[in-house]
């Protein structure tokens, strides 16, 4: 029927078949689809989006039906007498569409306001295809606002100068120099051994990949642990980095943590990995 509707009649057999369907003696029924006004007021204004199985046609007349609508179809032998007496009857695909629309309507009306607000948040992972245009706009606006806040924070942090005491400055510099020297020497030894075995290029490739992935993991830790709560979860990348500084100098680690520039694990967590509990000098109470 869709082929005929588009004007694709290629032979006389198609003409005879078409006339048989439209004749008064035909058992075929016309599917009227869903009333356009009823669909807009009852379904679309509440659900706020079209289901994938909905097809809206505006020419030559307004019509809403299923994408699998048969348009003209023959009733089954076990059809109800009332349906057989009617001139227009919904096809099975359109009946399924009405059932889906009613289910989605009930689900949308039972949705709590708090859930709707969560979906409009910039950090929400709800699919935009299932959100109304208004909710999409609010989510986009909140994402732009949060991006602006992050940019202002970054600009403020870049303009902030952290003053260190002479003792803290000296100790921090010594820790950084020691880490750089030891790490560079160890890395160079590994590369030299790899070159001797013919796998130096592969080792350098693995080092580059791991460094990129670990950097991303560290940045994720900084983003999700910005609250500074005791329940924060840390990846092994951040823990290893913190242990590198902590084992060199616990005082330098505490000084770095107190600046609130980086989100770092607590001292007790690092001590649980090292098994050492360092105490301040002097008599304990």
C-alpha atoms as a PDB file:
ATOM      1  CA  UNK A   1       0.000   0.000   0.000  1.00  0.00           C
ATOM      2  CA  UNK A   2       2.861   2.395   0.723  1.00  0.00           C
ATOM      3  CA  UNK A   3       4.182   1.716  -2.784  1.00  0.00           C
ATOM      4  CA  UNK A   4       0.819   2.633  -4.305  1.00  0.00           C
ATOM      5  CA  UNK A   5       0.509   5.653  -2.036  1.00  0.00           C
ATOM      6  CA  UNK A   6       3.771   6.979  -3.466  1.00  0.00           C
ATOM      7  CA  UNK A   7       2.460   6.568  -7.017  1.00  0.00           C
ATOM      8  CA  UNK A   8       4.475   3.463  -7.901  1.00  0.00           C
ATOM      9  CA  UNK A   9       1.947   1.466  -9.944  1.00  0.00           C
ATOM     10  CA  UNK A  10       3.881  -0.485 -12.546  1.00  0.00           C
ATOM     11  CA  UNK A  11       1.392  -2.884 -14.125  1.00  0.00           C
ATOM     12  CA  UNK A  12      -2.282  -3.801 -14.504  1.00  0.00           C
ATOM     13  CA  UNK A  13      -2.123  -6.322 -11.703  1.00  0.00           C
ATOM     14  CA  UNK A  14      -1.362  -3.510  -9.229  1.00  0.00           C
ATOM     15  CA  UNK A  15      -4.416  -1.600 -10.494  1.00  0.00           C
ATOM     16  CA  UNK A  16      -6.747  -4.583 -10.071  1.00  0.00           C
ATOM     17  CA  UNK A  17      -5.390  -5.281  -6.572  1.00  0.00           C
ATOM     18  CA  UNK A  18      -5.858  -1.640  -5.598  1.00  0.00           C
ATOM     19  CA  UNK A  19      -9.475  -1.604  -6.845  1.00  0.00           C
ATOM     20  CA  UNK A  20     -10.217  -4.803  -4.937  1.00  0.00           C
ATOM     21  CA  UNK A  21      -9.022  -3.257  -1.692  1.00  0.00           C
ATOM     22  CA  UNK A  22     -11.172  -0.149  -2.111  1.00  0.00           C
ATOM     23  CA  UNK A  23     -14.298  -1.954  -3.289  1.00  0.00           C
ATOM     24  CA  UNK A  24     -17.325  -2.167  -0.988  1.00  0.00           C
ATOM     25  CA  UNK A  25     -17.055  -5.961  -0.936  1.00  0.00           C
ATOM     26  CA  UNK A  26     -13.468  -5.833   0.308  1.00  0.00           C
ATOM     27  CA  UNK A  27     -12.695  -7.127   3.813  1.00  0.00           C
ATOM     28  CA  UNK A  28      -9.766  -4.707   4.155  1.00  0.00           C
ATOM     29  CA  UNK A  29      -9.956  -1.907   6.705  1.00  0.00           C
ATOM     30  CA  UNK A  30      -8.397   1.527   6.751  1.00  0.00           C
ATOM     31  CA  UNK A  31      -6.174   2.423   9.732  1.00  0.00           C
ATOM     32  CA  UNK A  32      -6.910   6.049  10.733  1.00  0.00           C
ATOM     33  CA  UNK A  33      -3.876   6.317  12.994  1.00  0.00           C
ATOM     34  CA  UNK A  34      -3.987   8.616  16.026  1.00  0.00           C
ATOM     35  CA  UNK A  35      -5.845  11.914  15.905  1.00  0.00           C
ATOM     36  CA  UNK A  36      -3.315  14.737  15.507  1.00  0.00           C
ATOM     37  CA  UNK A  37      -4.926  17.070  18.048  1.00  0.00           C
ATOM     38  CA  UNK A  38      -5.391  14.271  20.580  1.00  0.00           C
ATOM     39  CA  UNK A  39      -1.755  13.231  20.190  1.00  0.00           C
ATOM     40  CA  UNK A  40      -0.437  16.760  20.675  1.00  0.00           C
ATOM     41  CA  UNK A  41      -2.596  17.604  23.709  1.00  0.00           C
ATOM     42  CA  UNK A  42      -2.786  14.249  25.453  1.00  0.00           C
ATOM     43  CA  UNK A  43       0.640  12.721  24.742  1.00  0.00           C
ATOM     44  CA  UNK A  44       3.258  15.084  23.338  1.00  0.00           C
ATOM     45  CA  UNK A  45       2.604  17.987  25.725  1.00  0.00           C
ATOM     46  CA  UNK A  46       3.232  15.628  28.660  1.00  0.00           C
ATOM     47  CA  UNK A  47       5.874  13.232  27.326  1.00  0.00           C
ATOM     48  CA  UNK A  48       7.690  16.106  25.526  1.00  0.00           C
ATOM     49  CA  UNK A  49       9.287  13.929  22.828  1.00  0.00           C
ATOM     50  CA  UNK A  50       8.280  11.573  20.027  1.00  0.00           C
ATOM     51  CA  UNK A  51       8.846   7.864  20.510  1.00  0.00           C
ATOM     52  CA  UNK A  52      11.003   6.150  17.897  1.00  0.00           C
ATOM     53  CA  UNK A  53       7.956   4.261  16.632  1.00  0.00           C
ATOM     54  CA  UNK A  54       5.952   7.471  16.033  1.00  0.00           C
ATOM     55  CA  UNK A  55       5.613   8.859  12.507  1.00  0.00           C
ATOM     56  CA  UNK A  56       4.172  12.338  12.021  1.00  0.00           C
ATOM     57  CA  UNK A  57       2.985  13.339   8.538  1.00  0.00           C
ATOM     58  CA  UNK A  58       1.859  16.850   7.628  1.00  0.00           C
ATOM     59  CA  UNK A  59       1.171  16.458   3.901  1.00  0.00           C
ATOM     60  CA  UNK A  60      -1.210  15.981   2.260  1.00  0.00           C
ATOM     61  CA  UNK A  61      -2.943  15.995   5.694  1.00  0.00           C
ATOM     62  CA  UNK A  62      -1.934  15.795   9.354  1.00  0.00           C
ATOM     63  CA  UNK A  63      -1.572  12.208  10.478  1.00  0.00           C
ATOM     64  CA  UNK A  64       0.145  10.401  13.366  1.00  0.00           C
ATOM     65  CA  UNK A  65       0.701   6.670  13.127  1.00  0.00           C
ATOM     66  CA  UNK A  66       3.270   3.953  13.696  1.00  0.00           C
ATOM     67  CA  UNK A  67       6.306   3.653  11.447  1.00  0.00           C
ATOM     68  CA  UNK A  68       5.064   0.112  10.753  1.00  0.00           C
ATOM     69  CA  UNK A  69       1.461   1.127  10.079  1.00  0.00           C
ATOM     70  CA  UNK A  70      -0.171  -1.049   7.407  1.00  0.00           C
ATOM     71  CA  UNK A  71      -2.626   1.714   6.364  1.00  0.00           C
ATOM     72  CA  UNK A  72      -4.890  -0.774   4.562  1.00  0.00           C
ATOM     73  CA  UNK A  73      -4.994  -4.228   6.074  1.00  0.00           C
ATOM     74  CA  UNK A  74      -7.198  -7.286   6.261  1.00  0.00           C
ATOM     75  CA  UNK A  75      -8.769  -8.169   9.593  1.00  0.00           C
ATOM     76  CA  UNK A  76      -7.917 -11.595  10.980  1.00  0.00           C
ATOM     77  CA  UNK A  77     -10.600 -14.259  11.045  1.00  0.00           C
ATOM     78  CA  UNK A  78     -10.910 -14.034  14.848  1.00  0.00           C
ATOM     79  CA  UNK A  79     -11.467 -10.237  14.870  1.00  0.00           C
ATOM     80  CA  UNK A  80     -14.249  -8.802  17.006  1.00  0.00           C
ATOM     81  CA  UNK A  81     -17.654  -8.273  15.409  1.00  0.00           C
ATOM     82  CA  UNK A  82     -17.529  -4.611  16.401  1.00  0.00           C
ATOM     83  CA  UNK A  83     -14.267  -4.142  14.488  1.00  0.00           C
ATOM     84  CA  UNK A  84     -15.691  -5.896  11.437  1.00  0.00           C
ATOM     85  CA  UNK A  85     -18.656  -3.518  11.433  1.00  0.00           C
ATOM     86  CA  UNK A  86     -16.457  -0.395  11.538  1.00  0.00           C
ATOM     87  CA  UNK A  87     -15.080   1.254   8.441  1.00  0.00           C
ATOM     88  CA  UNK A  88     -11.840   2.360  10.138  1.00  0.00           C
ATOM     89  CA  UNK A  89      -9.878   0.211  12.600  1.00  0.00           C
ATOM     90  CA  UNK A  90      -6.430   0.644  14.085  1.00  0.00           C
ATOM     91  CA  UNK A  91      -3.901  -1.837  12.750  1.00  0.00           C
ATOM     92  CA  UNK A  92      -1.813  -3.967  15.116  1.00  0.00           C
ATOM     93  CA  UNK A  93       1.211  -1.653  14.825  1.00  0.00           C
ATOM     94  CA  UNK A  94      -0.812   1.441  15.762  1.00  0.00           C
ATOM     95  CA  UNK A  95      -2.460  -0.421  18.649  1.00  0.00           C
ATOM     96  CA  UNK A  96       1.000  -1.257  19.951  1.00  0.00           C
ATOM     97  CA  UNK A  97       1.981   2.390  19.541  1.00  0.00           C
ATOM     98  CA  UNK A  98      -1.010   3.543  21.620  1.00  0.00           C
ATOM     99  CA  UNK A  99      -0.027   1.061  24.328  1.00  0.00           C
ATOM    100  CA  UNK A 100       3.559   2.363  24.323  1.00  0.00           C
ATOM    101  CA  UNK A 101       2.372   5.969  24.483  1.00  0.00           C
ATOM    102  CA  UNK A 102       0.121   5.219  27.462  1.00  0.00           C
ATOM    103  CA  UNK A 103       2.994   3.488  29.254  1.00  0.00           C
ATOM    104  CA  UNK A 104       5.348   6.404  28.626  1.00  0.00           C
ATOM    105  CA  UNK A 105       2.625   8.864  29.679  1.00  0.00           C
ATOM    106  CA  UNK A 106       2.149   7.073  32.998  1.00  0.00           C
ATOM    107  CA  UNK A 107       5.891   6.896  33.570  1.00  0.00           C
ATOM    108  CA  UNK A 108       6.384  10.604  32.874  1.00  0.00           C
ATOM    109  CA  UNK A 109       3.503  11.690  35.116  1.00  0.00           C
ATOM    110  CA  UNK A 110       4.838   9.574  38.010  1.00  0.00           C
ATOM    111  CA  UNK A 111       8.329  11.085  37.690  1.00  0.00           C
ATOM    112  CA  UNK A 112       9.365  12.957  40.834  1.00  0.00           C
ATOM    113  CA  UNK A 113      10.490  16.620  40.602  1.00  0.00           C
ATOM    114  CA  UNK A 114      13.826  15.770  42.244  1.00  0.00           C
ATOM    115  CA  UNK A 115      14.615  13.259  39.487  1.00  0.00           C
ATOM    116  CA  UNK A 116      13.828  15.862  36.869  1.00  0.00           C
ATOM    117  CA  UNK A 117      16.188  18.347  38.541  1.00  0.00           C
ATOM    118  CA  UNK A 118      18.954  15.713  38.617  1.00  0.00           C
ATOM    119  CA  UNK A 119      18.506  15.085  34.887  1.00  0.00           C
ATOM    120  CA  UNK A 120      18.894  18.819  34.229  1.00  0.00           C
ATOM    121  CA  UNK A 121      22.198  18.965  36.124  1.00  0.00           C
ATOM    122  CA  UNK A 122      25.339  19.483  34.056  1.00  0.00           C
ATOM    123  CA  UNK A 123      26.881  16.279  35.438  1.00  0.00           C
ATOM    124  CA  UNK A 124      23.816  14.159  34.582  1.00  0.00           C
ATOM    125  CA  UNK A 125      24.265  11.214  32.212  1.00  0.00           C
ATOM    126  CA  UNK A 126      20.608  11.036  31.208  1.00  0.00           C
ATOM    127  CA  UNK A 127      20.167  10.813  27.433  1.00  0.00           C
ATOM    128  CA  UNK A 128      19.180  14.096  25.832  1.00  0.00           C
ATOM    129  CA  UNK A 129      16.878  12.284  23.397  1.00  0.00           C
ATOM    130  CA  UNK A 130      14.535  11.464  26.295  1.00  0.00           C
ATOM    131  CA  UNK A 131      14.410  15.023  27.628  1.00  0.00           C
ATOM    132  CA  UNK A 132      12.137  17.887  26.684  1.00  0.00           C
ATOM    133  CA  UNK A 133      13.549  20.915  24.809  1.00  0.00           C
ATOM    134  CA  UNK A 134      13.181  22.990  27.986  1.00  0.00           C
ATOM    135  CA  UNK A 135      15.138  20.479  30.076  1.00  0.00           C
ATOM    136  CA  UNK A 136      17.825  20.263  27.407  1.00  0.00           C
ATOM    137  CA  UNK A 137      18.177  24.043  27.426  1.00  0.00           C
ATOM    138  CA  UNK A 138      18.457  24.174  31.235  1.00  0.00           C
ATOM    139  CA  UNK A 139      21.070  21.424  31.219  1.00  0.00           C
ATOM    140  CA  UNK A 140      23.071  23.243  28.539  1.00  0.00           C
ATOM    141  CA  UNK A 141      22.864  26.536  30.452  1.00  0.00           C
ATOM    142  CA  UNK A 142      24.039  24.891  33.680  1.00  0.00           C
ATOM    143  CA  UNK A 143      26.946  23.262  31.858  1.00  0.00           C
ATOM    144  CA  UNK A 144      27.970  26.666  30.472  1.00  0.00           C
ATOM    145  CA  UNK A 145      27.689  28.209  33.961  1.00  0.00           C
ATOM    146  CA  UNK A 146      29.815  25.482  35.548  1.00  0.00           C
ATOM    147  CA  UNK A 147      32.394  25.838  32.796  1.00  0.00           C
ATOM    148  CA  UNK A 148      32.565  29.558  33.506  1.00  0.00           C
ATOM    149  CA  UNK A 149      32.976  28.926  37.234  1.00  0.00           C
ATOM    150  CA  UNK A 150      35.803  26.463  36.548  1.00  0.00           C
ATOM    151  CA  UNK A 151      37.539  28.966  34.270  1.00  0.00           C
ATOM    152  CA  UNK A 152      37.356  31.669  36.941  1.00  0.00           C
ATOM    153  CA  UNK A 153      38.723  29.258  39.556  1.00  0.00           C
ATOM    154  CA  UNK A 154      41.571  28.298  37.252  1.00  0.00           C
ATOM    155  CA  UNK A 155      42.400  31.941  36.576  1.00  0.00           C
ATOM    156  CA  UNK A 156      42.352  32.653  40.310  1.00  0.00           C
ATOM    157  CA  UNK A 157      44.616  29.697  41.071  1.00  0.00           C
ATOM    158  CA  UNK A 158      47.032  30.716  38.306  1.00  0.00           C
ATOM    159  CA  UNK A 159      47.247  34.234  39.746  1.00  0.00           C
ATOM    160  CA  UNK A 160      47.717  32.984  43.307  1.00  0.00           C
ATOM    161  CA  UNK A 161      51.225  32.847  44.674  1.00  0.00           C
ATOM    162  CA  UNK A 162      51.887  30.455  47.547  1.00  0.00           C
ATOM    163  CA  UNK A 163      54.473  31.742  49.989  1.00  0.00           C
ATOM    164  CA  UNK A 164      56.682  29.126  51.654  1.00  0.00           C
ATOM    165  CA  UNK A 165      58.779  29.517  54.713  1.00  0.00           C
ATOM    166  CA  UNK A 166      62.533  29.165  54.138  1.00  0.00           C
ATOM    167  CA  UNK A 167      62.593  25.739  55.803  1.00  0.00           C
ATOM    168  CA  UNK A 168      59.582  24.495  53.821  1.00  0.00           C
ATOM    169  CA  UNK A 169      60.999  25.876  50.564  1.00  0.00           C
ATOM    170  CA  UNK A 170      64.372  24.207  51.090  1.00  0.00           C
ATOM    171  CA  UNK A 171      62.835  20.881  52.067  1.00  0.00           C
ATOM    172  CA  UNK A 172      60.366  20.893  49.172  1.00  0.00           C
ATOM    173  CA  UNK A 173      63.120  21.677  46.681  1.00  0.00           C
ATOM    174  CA  UNK A 174      65.305  18.876  48.034  1.00  0.00           C
ATOM    175  CA  UNK A 175      62.450  16.383  47.769  1.00  0.00           C
ATOM    176  CA  UNK A 176      61.686  17.398  44.172  1.00  0.00           C
ATOM    177  CA  UNK A 177      65.343  17.234  43.161  1.00  0.00           C
ATOM    178  CA  UNK A 178      65.756  13.798  44.748  1.00  0.00           C
ATOM    179  CA  UNK A 179      62.642  12.425  43.051  1.00  0.00           C
ATOM    180  CA  UNK A 180      63.635  13.828  39.649  1.00  0.00           C
ATOM    181  CA  UNK A 181      67.185  12.513  39.907  1.00  0.00           C
ATOM    182  CA  UNK A 182      66.261   9.033  41.140  1.00  0.00           C
ATOM    183  CA  UNK A 183      63.402   8.645  38.659  1.00  0.00           C
ATOM    184  CA  UNK A 184      65.504   9.885  35.726  1.00  0.00           C
ATOM    185  CA  UNK A 185      68.424   7.553  36.602  1.00  0.00           C
ATOM    186  CA  UNK A 186      66.163   4.524  37.052  1.00  0.00           C
ATOM    187  CA  UNK A 187      64.282   5.258  33.824  1.00  0.00           C
ATOM    188  CA  UNK A 188      67.514   5.658  31.868  1.00  0.00           C
ATOM    189  CA  UNK A 189      68.819   2.333  33.214  1.00  0.00           C
ATOM    190  CA  UNK A 190      65.595   0.588  32.113  1.00  0.00           C
ATOM    191  CA  UNK A 191      65.833   2.099  28.620  1.00  0.00           C
ATOM    192  CA  UNK A 192      69.502   1.085  28.294  1.00  0.00           C
ATOM    193  CA  UNK A 193      68.702  -2.503  29.282  1.00  0.00           C
ATOM    194  CA  UNK A 194      65.867  -2.499  26.757  1.00  0.00           C
ATOM    195  CA  UNK A 195      68.149  -1.221  23.988  1.00  0.00           C
ATOM    196  CA  UNK A 196      70.617  -4.022  24.749  1.00  0.00           C
ATOM    197  CA  UNK A 197      67.783  -6.565  24.367  1.00  0.00           C
ATOM    198  CA  UNK A 198      66.340  -4.892  21.272  1.00  0.00           C
ATOM    199  CA  UNK A 199      63.102  -3.725  22.925  1.00  0.00           C
ATOM    200  CA  UNK A 200      64.067  -0.161  23.793  1.00  0.00           C
ATOM    201  CA  UNK A 201      61.542   1.382  21.367  1.00  0.00           C
ATOM    202  CA  UNK A 202      58.733  -0.745  22.788  1.00  0.00           C
ATOM    203  CA  UNK A 203      59.627   0.242  26.356  1.00  0.00           C
ATOM    204  CA  UNK A 204      59.595   3.932  25.434  1.00  0.00           C
ATOM    205  CA  UNK A 205      56.179   3.487  23.791  1.00  0.00           C
ATOM    206  CA  UNK A 206      54.811   1.748  26.894  1.00  0.00           C
ATOM    207  CA  UNK A 207      56.255   4.507  29.087  1.00  0.00           C
ATOM    208  CA  UNK A 208      54.575   7.217  27.001  1.00  0.00           C
ATOM    209  CA  UNK A 209      51.205   5.415  27.066  1.00  0.00           C
ATOM    210  CA  UNK A 210      51.331   4.700  30.816  1.00  0.00           C
ATOM    211  CA  UNK A 211      52.331   8.283  31.581  1.00  0.00           C
ATOM    212  CA  UNK A 212      49.339   9.615  29.627  1.00  0.00           C
ATOM    213  CA  UNK A 213      46.874   7.178  31.225  1.00  0.00           C
ATOM    214  CA  UNK A 214      48.220   7.829  34.727  1.00  0.00           C
ATOM    215  CA  UNK A 215      47.963  11.563  34.183  1.00  0.00           C
ATOM    216  CA  UNK A 216      44.297  11.162  33.221  1.00  0.00           C
ATOM    217  CA  UNK A 217      43.687   8.950  36.273  1.00  0.00           C
ATOM    218  CA  UNK A 218      45.314  11.539  38.548  1.00  0.00           C
ATOM    219  CA  UNK A 219      43.151  14.303  37.068  1.00  0.00           C
ATOM    220  CA  UNK A 220      40.021  12.198  37.673  1.00  0.00           C
ATOM    221  CA  UNK A 221      41.038  11.821  41.325  1.00  0.00           C
ATOM    222  CA  UNK A 222      41.431  15.581  41.635  1.00  0.00           C
ATOM    223  CA  UNK A 223      37.949  16.140  40.182  1.00  0.00           C
ATOM    224  CA  UNK A 224      35.999  13.539  42.184  1.00  0.00           C
ATOM    225  CA  UNK A 225      37.787  14.104  45.520  1.00  0.00           C
ATOM    226  CA  UNK A 226      37.456  17.874  45.586  1.00  0.00           C
ATOM    227  CA  UNK A 227      35.191  17.608  48.651  1.00  0.00           C
ATOM    228  CA  UNK A 228      38.103  16.540  50.873  1.00  0.00           C
ATOM    229  CA  UNK A 229      35.917  14.086  52.805  1.00  0.00           C
ATOM    230  CA  UNK A 230      37.276  11.060  54.627  1.00  0.00           C
ATOM    231  CA  UNK A 231      35.218   8.780  52.376  1.00  0.00           C
ATOM    232  CA  UNK A 232      37.122   9.834  49.239  1.00  0.00           C
ATOM    233  CA  UNK A 233      38.410   7.021  47.049  1.00  0.00           C
ATOM    234  CA  UNK A 234      41.915   7.230  45.565  1.00  0.00           C
ATOM    235  CA  UNK A 235      43.475   5.406  42.637  1.00  0.00           C
ATOM    236  CA  UNK A 236      46.842   3.705  42.951  1.00  0.00           C
ATOM    237  CA  UNK A 237      48.364   6.392  40.720  1.00  0.00           C
ATOM    238  CA  UNK A 238      47.640   9.125  43.273  1.00  0.00           C
ATOM    239  CA  UNK A 239      48.631   6.890  46.195  1.00  0.00           C
ATOM    240  CA  UNK A 240      51.989   6.006  44.610  1.00  0.00           C
ATOM    241  CA  UNK A 241      52.649   9.672  43.858  1.00  0.00           C
ATOM    242  CA  UNK A 242      51.761  10.674  47.419  1.00  0.00           C
ATOM    243  CA  UNK A 243      53.897   7.848  48.878  1.00  0.00           C
ATOM    244  CA  UNK A 244      56.881   9.025  46.833  1.00  0.00           C
ATOM    245  CA  UNK A 245      56.772  12.397  48.586  1.00  0.00           C
ATOM    246  CA  UNK A 246      55.653  11.085  51.979  1.00  0.00           C
ATOM    247  CA  UNK A 247      58.488   8.543  52.304  1.00  0.00           C
ATOM    248  CA  UNK A 248      61.035  11.210  51.423  1.00  0.00           C
ATOM    249  CA  UNK A 249      59.710  13.749  53.895  1.00  0.00           C
ATOM    250  CA  UNK A 250      56.482  13.580  55.883  1.00  0.00           C
ATOM    251  CA  UNK A 251      56.788  17.284  56.766  1.00  0.00           C
ATOM    252  CA  UNK A 252      57.049  18.281  53.103  1.00  0.00           C
ATOM    253  CA  UNK A 253      53.987  16.169  52.312  1.00  0.00           C
ATOM    254  CA  UNK A 254      51.954  17.808  55.076  1.00  0.00           C
ATOM    255  CA  UNK A 255      53.052  21.242  53.857  1.00  0.00           C
ATOM    256  CA  UNK A 256      52.030  20.418  50.290  1.00  0.00           C
ATOM    257  CA  UNK A 257      48.670  19.065  51.473  1.00  0.00           C
ATOM    258  CA  UNK A 258      47.978  22.147  53.584  1.00  0.00           C
ATOM    259  CA  UNK A 259      48.186  24.465  50.562  1.00  0.00           C
ATOM    260  CA  UNK A 260      44.877  22.986  49.236  1.00  0.00           C
ATOM    261  CA  UNK A 261      46.224  23.150  45.687  1.00  0.00           C
ATOM    262  CA  UNK A 262      46.160  19.386  45.177  1.00  0.00           C
ATOM    263  CA  UNK A 263      43.718  16.867  46.622  1.00  0.00           C
ATOM    264  CA  UNK A 264      45.917  14.276  48.377  1.00  0.00           C
ATOM    265  CA  UNK A 265      45.257  11.201  50.561  1.00  0.00           C
ATOM    266  CA  UNK A 266      45.362  11.540  54.323  1.00  0.00           C
ATOM    267  CA  UNK A 267      48.451  10.722  56.361  1.00  0.00           C
ATOM    268  CA  UNK A 268      46.760   7.752  58.022  1.00  0.00           C
ATOM    269  CA  UNK A 269      45.989   6.181  54.636  1.00  0.00           C
ATOM    270  CA  UNK A 270      49.602   6.453  53.519  1.00  0.00           C
ATOM    271  CA  UNK A 271      50.792   5.029  56.844  1.00  0.00           C
ATOM    272  CA  UNK A 272      48.540   2.021  56.297  1.00  0.00           C
ATOM    273  CA  UNK A 273      50.515   1.317  53.107  1.00  0.00           C
ATOM    274  CA  UNK A 274      53.962   1.939  54.558  1.00  0.00           C
ATOM    275  CA  UNK A 275      53.276   0.305  57.926  1.00  0.00           C
ATOM    276  CA  UNK A 276      55.165   3.116  59.680  1.00  0.00           C
ATOM    277  CA  UNK A 277      53.608   5.617  62.065  1.00  0.00           C
ATOM    278  CA  UNK A 278      55.757   8.681  62.457  1.00  0.00           C
ATOM    279  CA  UNK A 279      55.344  10.801  65.589  1.00  0.00           C
ATOM    280  CA  UNK A 280      56.281  14.352  66.313  1.00  0.00           C
ATOM    281  CA  UNK A 281      59.450  14.943  68.292  1.00  0.00           C
ATOM    282  CA  UNK A 282      59.128  15.305  72.054  1.00  0.00           C
ATOM    283  CA  UNK A 283      57.194  13.531  74.754  1.00  0.00           C
ATOM    284  CA  UNK A 284      53.731  12.302  73.798  1.00  0.00           C
ATOM    285  CA  UNK A 285      50.787  12.844  76.109  1.00  0.00           C
END
